[in-house]
């Protein structure tokens, strides 16, 4: 799980970098962030077993349900991805 945390921390740093890149438009930022998240998800899937993947997916679904929203699949919820990086929600594990 140490590798997974490293991958997630690296992805978070990359997202922050994209958010602070003033040369990118909002749609470009969204696209780059989507690519970063997809790549990190693939990296995590490459280092954990299928059983661990299922356990992780289940845990994520439970956390999402506890937050009152179900699994988040994609945009359209008002705040952009850079807003969530800048806010306190970005600091949760």
N, C-alpha and C. Protein backbone atom coordinates (compact mmCIF):
# COMPACT_ATOMS: atom_id res chain seq x y z
N UNK A 1 0.81 -1.20 0.00
CA UNK A 1 0.00 0.00 0.00
C UNK A 1 0.86 1.27 0.00
N UNK A 2 2.13 1.14 0.37
CA UNK A 2 3.03 2.29 0.33
C UNK A 2 3.19 2.79 -1.10
N UNK A 3 3.29 1.85 -2.05
CA UNK A 3 3.40 2.23 -3.45
C UNK A 3 2.16 2.98 -3.91
N UNK A 4 1.00 2.50 -3.48
CA UNK A 4 -0.26 3.14 -3.86
C UNK A 4 -0.29 4.58 -3.35
N UNK A 5 0.11 4.79 -2.11
CA UNK A 5 0.11 6.14 -1.56
C UNK A 5 1.07 7.04 -2.33
N UNK A 6 2.22 6.48 -2.71
CA UNK A 6 3.18 7.24 -3.50
C UNK A 6 2.60 7.66 -4.84
N UNK A 7 1.90 6.75 -5.50
CA UNK A 7 1.25 7.04 -6.78
C UNK A 7 0.21 8.13 -6.59
N UNK A 8 -0.58 8.02 -5.53
CA UNK A 8 -1.63 9.00 -5.28
C UNK A 8 -1.04 10.38 -4.94
N UNK A 9 0.04 10.40 -4.18
CA UNK A 9 0.68 11.67 -3.85
C UNK A 9 1.26 12.33 -5.10
N UNK A 10 1.87 11.52 -5.96
CA UNK A 10 2.42 12.03 -7.20
C UNK A 10 1.30 12.60 -8.08
N UNK A 11 0.19 11.89 -8.17
CA UNK A 11 -0.94 12.36 -8.97
C UNK A 11 -1.48 13.66 -8.40
N UNK A 12 -1.59 13.75 -7.09
CA UNK A 12 -2.09 14.96 -6.45
C UNK A 12 -1.18 16.15 -6.77
N UNK A 13 0.13 15.93 -6.72
CA UNK A 13 1.08 17.00 -7.04
C UNK A 13 0.94 17.43 -8.51
N UNK A 14 0.73 16.46 -9.39
CA UNK A 14 0.55 16.78 -10.81
C UNK A 14 -0.73 17.57 -11.03
N UNK A 15 -1.81 17.20 -10.32
CA UNK A 15 -3.07 17.92 -10.44
C UNK A 15 -2.90 19.36 -9.95
N UNK A 16 -2.21 19.52 -8.83
CA UNK A 16 -1.97 20.86 -8.31
C UNK A 16 -1.20 21.69 -9.32
N UNK A 17 -0.21 21.10 -9.96
CA UNK A 17 0.58 21.79 -10.96
C UNK A 17 -0.30 22.25 -12.12
N UNK A 18 -1.17 21.36 -12.57
CA UNK A 18 -2.09 21.71 -13.66
C UNK A 18 -3.01 22.85 -13.22
N UNK A 19 -3.50 22.79 -12.01
CA UNK A 19 -4.41 23.82 -11.51
C UNK A 19 -3.76 25.19 -11.45
N UNK A 20 -2.48 25.22 -11.20
CA UNK A 20 -1.76 26.49 -11.08
C UNK A 20 -1.17 26.96 -12.41
N UNK A 21 -1.37 26.19 -13.48
CA UNK A 21 -0.84 26.54 -14.80
C UNK A 21 -1.79 27.51 -15.48
N UNK A 22 -1.44 28.78 -15.44
CA UNK A 22 -2.31 29.82 -15.99
C UNK A 22 -2.37 29.81 -17.52
N UNK A 23 -1.50 29.04 -18.16
CA UNK A 23 -1.51 28.99 -19.62
C UNK A 23 -2.59 28.05 -20.15
N UNK A 24 -3.21 27.28 -19.26
CA UNK A 24 -4.24 26.32 -19.67
C UNK A 24 -5.64 26.88 -19.42
N UNK A 25 -6.55 26.61 -20.35
CA UNK A 25 -7.95 26.98 -20.16
C UNK A 25 -8.59 25.96 -19.23
N UNK A 26 -9.78 26.26 -18.72
CA UNK A 26 -10.47 25.32 -17.83
C UNK A 26 -10.70 23.96 -18.51
N UNK A 27 -11.17 23.92 -19.77
CA UNK A 27 -11.35 22.61 -20.42
C UNK A 27 -10.03 21.85 -20.55
N UNK A 28 -8.93 22.56 -20.81
CA UNK A 28 -7.64 21.89 -20.91
C UNK A 28 -7.21 21.34 -19.55
N UNK A 29 -7.47 22.10 -18.49
CA UNK A 29 -7.15 21.63 -17.15
C UNK A 29 -7.94 20.37 -16.82
N UNK A 30 -9.23 20.39 -17.14
CA UNK A 30 -10.08 19.22 -16.88
C UNK A 30 -9.55 18.00 -17.62
N UNK A 31 -9.17 18.18 -18.88
CA UNK A 31 -8.68 17.05 -19.68
C UNK A 31 -7.38 16.51 -19.10
N UNK A 32 -6.45 17.39 -18.75
CA UNK A 32 -5.18 16.94 -18.19
C UNK A 32 -5.38 16.23 -16.86
N UNK A 33 -6.25 16.77 -16.03
CA UNK A 33 -6.51 16.15 -14.73
C UNK A 33 -7.16 14.79 -14.90
N UNK A 34 -8.06 14.68 -15.86
CA UNK A 34 -8.69 13.38 -16.14
C UNK A 34 -7.62 12.37 -16.56
N UNK A 35 -6.66 12.80 -17.40
CA UNK A 35 -5.58 11.91 -17.84
C UNK A 35 -4.70 11.49 -16.65
N UNK A 36 -4.38 12.43 -15.78
CA UNK A 36 -3.56 12.14 -14.61
C UNK A 36 -4.26 11.11 -13.73
N UNK A 37 -5.53 11.32 -13.47
CA UNK A 37 -6.27 10.39 -12.61
C UNK A 37 -6.41 9.02 -13.24
N UNK A 38 -6.64 8.98 -14.54
CA UNK A 38 -6.75 7.68 -15.23
C UNK A 38 -5.41 6.94 -15.17
N UNK A 39 -4.32 7.67 -15.41
CA UNK A 39 -2.99 7.05 -15.39
C UNK A 39 -2.67 6.53 -13.99
N UNK A 40 -2.99 7.31 -12.96
CA UNK A 40 -2.68 6.86 -11.59
C UNK A 40 -3.55 5.65 -11.22
N UNK A 41 -4.79 5.63 -11.67
CA UNK A 41 -5.68 4.49 -11.41
C UNK A 41 -5.10 3.23 -12.06
N UNK A 42 -4.60 3.38 -13.29
CA UNK A 42 -4.00 2.24 -13.98
C UNK A 42 -2.74 1.76 -13.27
N UNK A 43 -1.95 2.70 -12.76
CA UNK A 43 -0.74 2.32 -12.03
C UNK A 43 -1.09 1.56 -10.76
N UNK A 44 -2.10 2.02 -10.04
CA UNK A 44 -2.52 1.34 -8.82
C UNK A 44 -3.03 -0.05 -9.16
N UNK A 45 -3.84 -0.15 -10.21
CA UNK A 45 -4.36 -1.46 -10.60
C UNK A 45 -3.24 -2.42 -10.98
N UNK A 46 -2.12 -1.89 -11.45
CA UNK A 46 -0.99 -2.72 -11.84
C UNK A 46 -0.20 -3.28 -10.67
N UNK A 47 -0.38 -2.70 -9.48
CA UNK A 47 0.42 -3.16 -8.33
C UNK A 47 -0.40 -3.91 -7.28
N UNK A 48 -1.72 -3.94 -7.44
CA UNK A 48 -2.53 -4.67 -6.45
C UNK A 48 -3.24 -5.83 -7.12
N UNK A 49 -3.52 -6.84 -6.34
CA UNK A 49 -4.18 -8.05 -6.85
C UNK A 49 -5.65 -7.77 -7.16
N UNK A 50 -6.29 -8.63 -7.95
CA UNK A 50 -7.72 -8.47 -8.23
C UNK A 50 -8.56 -8.42 -6.95
N UNK A 51 -8.19 -9.22 -5.95
CA UNK A 51 -8.93 -9.19 -4.68
C UNK A 51 -8.79 -7.84 -3.99
N UNK A 52 -7.58 -7.30 -4.01
CA UNK A 52 -7.35 -5.99 -3.41
C UNK A 52 -8.09 -4.90 -4.19
N UNK A 53 -8.16 -5.05 -5.51
CA UNK A 53 -8.89 -4.09 -6.33
C UNK A 53 -10.37 -4.07 -5.95
N UNK A 54 -10.93 -5.26 -5.75
CA UNK A 54 -12.34 -5.34 -5.35
C UNK A 54 -12.55 -4.74 -3.96
N UNK A 55 -11.63 -5.02 -3.04
CA UNK A 55 -11.74 -4.47 -1.70
C UNK A 55 -11.64 -2.94 -1.74
N UNK A 56 -10.73 -2.42 -2.55
CA UNK A 56 -10.56 -0.98 -2.68
C UNK A 56 -11.82 -0.35 -3.28
N UNK A 57 -12.36 -0.96 -4.31
CA UNK A 57 -13.57 -0.45 -4.95
C UNK A 57 -14.72 -0.43 -3.95
N UNK A 58 -14.86 -1.49 -3.18
CA UNK A 58 -15.91 -1.57 -2.17
C UNK A 58 -15.75 -0.47 -1.12
N UNK A 59 -14.53 -0.27 -0.67
CA UNK A 59 -14.23 0.75 0.33
C UNK A 59 -14.57 2.14 -0.22
N UNK A 60 -14.20 2.40 -1.46
CA UNK A 60 -14.48 3.69 -2.08
C UNK A 60 -15.98 3.92 -2.20
N UNK A 61 -16.72 2.88 -2.55
CA UNK A 61 -18.16 3.01 -2.66
C UNK A 61 -18.80 3.30 -1.30
N UNK A 62 -18.29 2.63 -0.25
CA UNK A 62 -18.81 2.87 1.09
C UNK A 62 -18.52 4.30 1.54
N UNK A 63 -17.31 4.78 1.26
CA UNK A 63 -16.96 6.15 1.64
C UNK A 63 -17.81 7.16 0.89
N UNK A 64 -18.04 6.90 -0.39
CA UNK A 64 -18.85 7.81 -1.19
C UNK A 64 -20.29 7.83 -0.67
N UNK A 65 -20.81 6.67 -0.32
CA UNK A 65 -22.17 6.59 0.21
C UNK A 65 -22.27 7.31 1.56
N UNK A 66 -21.23 7.19 2.37
CA UNK A 66 -21.21 7.86 3.67
C UNK A 66 -21.20 9.37 3.52
N UNK A 67 -20.60 9.84 2.42
CA UNK A 67 -20.57 11.27 2.16
C UNK A 67 -21.91 11.74 1.59
N UNK A 68 -22.76 10.78 1.24
CA UNK A 68 -24.09 11.14 0.78
C UNK A 68 -24.25 11.31 -0.70
N UNK A 69 -23.37 10.68 -1.49
CA UNK A 69 -23.51 10.93 -2.91
C UNK A 69 -23.34 9.75 -3.82
N UNK A 70 -22.94 8.61 -3.33
CA UNK A 70 -22.68 7.50 -4.23
C UNK A 70 -21.33 7.69 -4.89
N UNK A 71 -21.02 6.87 -5.88
CA UNK A 71 -19.73 6.91 -6.55
C UNK A 71 -19.72 8.08 -7.52
N UNK A 72 -18.69 8.91 -7.45
CA UNK A 72 -18.55 10.06 -8.35
C UNK A 72 -17.94 9.59 -9.65
N UNK A 73 -18.67 9.78 -10.74
CA UNK A 73 -18.21 9.31 -12.03
C UNK A 73 -17.64 10.43 -12.88
N UNK A 74 -18.14 11.63 -12.75
CA UNK A 74 -17.60 12.71 -13.56
C UNK A 74 -18.33 14.01 -13.34
N UNK A 75 -17.79 15.06 -13.90
CA UNK A 75 -18.14 16.47 -13.75
C UNK A 75 -19.60 16.83 -13.63
N UNK A 76 -19.82 18.13 -13.78
CA UNK A 76 -21.17 18.65 -13.74
C UNK A 76 -21.67 18.96 -12.35
N UNK A 77 -20.79 19.08 -11.38
CA UNK A 77 -21.24 19.31 -10.01
C UNK A 77 -20.85 20.68 -9.49
N UNK A 78 -20.63 21.63 -10.38
CA UNK A 78 -20.34 22.99 -9.95
C UNK A 78 -18.85 23.27 -9.85
N UNK A 79 -18.24 22.96 -8.73
CA UNK A 79 -16.83 23.26 -8.52
C UNK A 79 -15.96 22.41 -9.43
N UNK A 80 -14.92 23.02 -9.94
CA UNK A 80 -14.00 22.31 -10.82
C UNK A 80 -12.99 21.52 -10.04
N UNK A 81 -12.19 20.71 -10.72
CA UNK A 81 -11.20 19.88 -10.04
C UNK A 81 -10.16 20.70 -9.30
N UNK A 82 -9.87 21.91 -9.77
CA UNK A 82 -8.88 22.73 -9.09
C UNK A 82 -9.44 23.32 -7.80
N UNK A 83 -10.75 23.51 -7.74
CA UNK A 83 -11.37 23.98 -6.50
C UNK A 83 -11.23 22.94 -5.41
N UNK A 84 -11.34 21.67 -5.76
CA UNK A 84 -11.21 20.63 -4.73
C UNK A 84 -9.77 20.44 -4.31
N UNK A 85 -8.80 20.80 -5.16
CA UNK A 85 -7.39 20.71 -4.79
C UNK A 85 -7.06 21.80 -3.79
N UNK A 86 -7.60 22.99 -4.01
CA UNK A 86 -7.29 24.12 -3.16
C UNK A 86 -7.97 24.06 -1.81
N UNK A 87 -9.09 23.36 -1.74
CA UNK A 87 -9.86 23.32 -0.50
C UNK A 87 -9.38 22.28 0.47
N UNK A 88 -9.97 22.24 1.65
CA UNK A 88 -9.56 21.28 2.67
C UNK A 88 -9.80 19.83 2.29
N UNK A 89 -10.69 19.57 1.36
CA UNK A 89 -10.97 18.19 0.95
C UNK A 89 -9.75 17.54 0.32
N UNK A 90 -8.83 18.34 -0.23
CA UNK A 90 -7.65 17.79 -0.88
C UNK A 90 -6.68 17.17 0.12
N UNK A 91 -6.84 17.47 1.40
CA UNK A 91 -5.90 16.99 2.39
C UNK A 91 -6.32 15.67 3.05
N UNK A 92 -7.48 15.15 2.70
CA UNK A 92 -7.89 13.86 3.30
C UNK A 92 -7.10 12.72 2.68
N UNK A 93 -6.85 11.63 3.40
CA UNK A 93 -6.04 10.52 2.90
C UNK A 93 -6.70 9.76 1.78
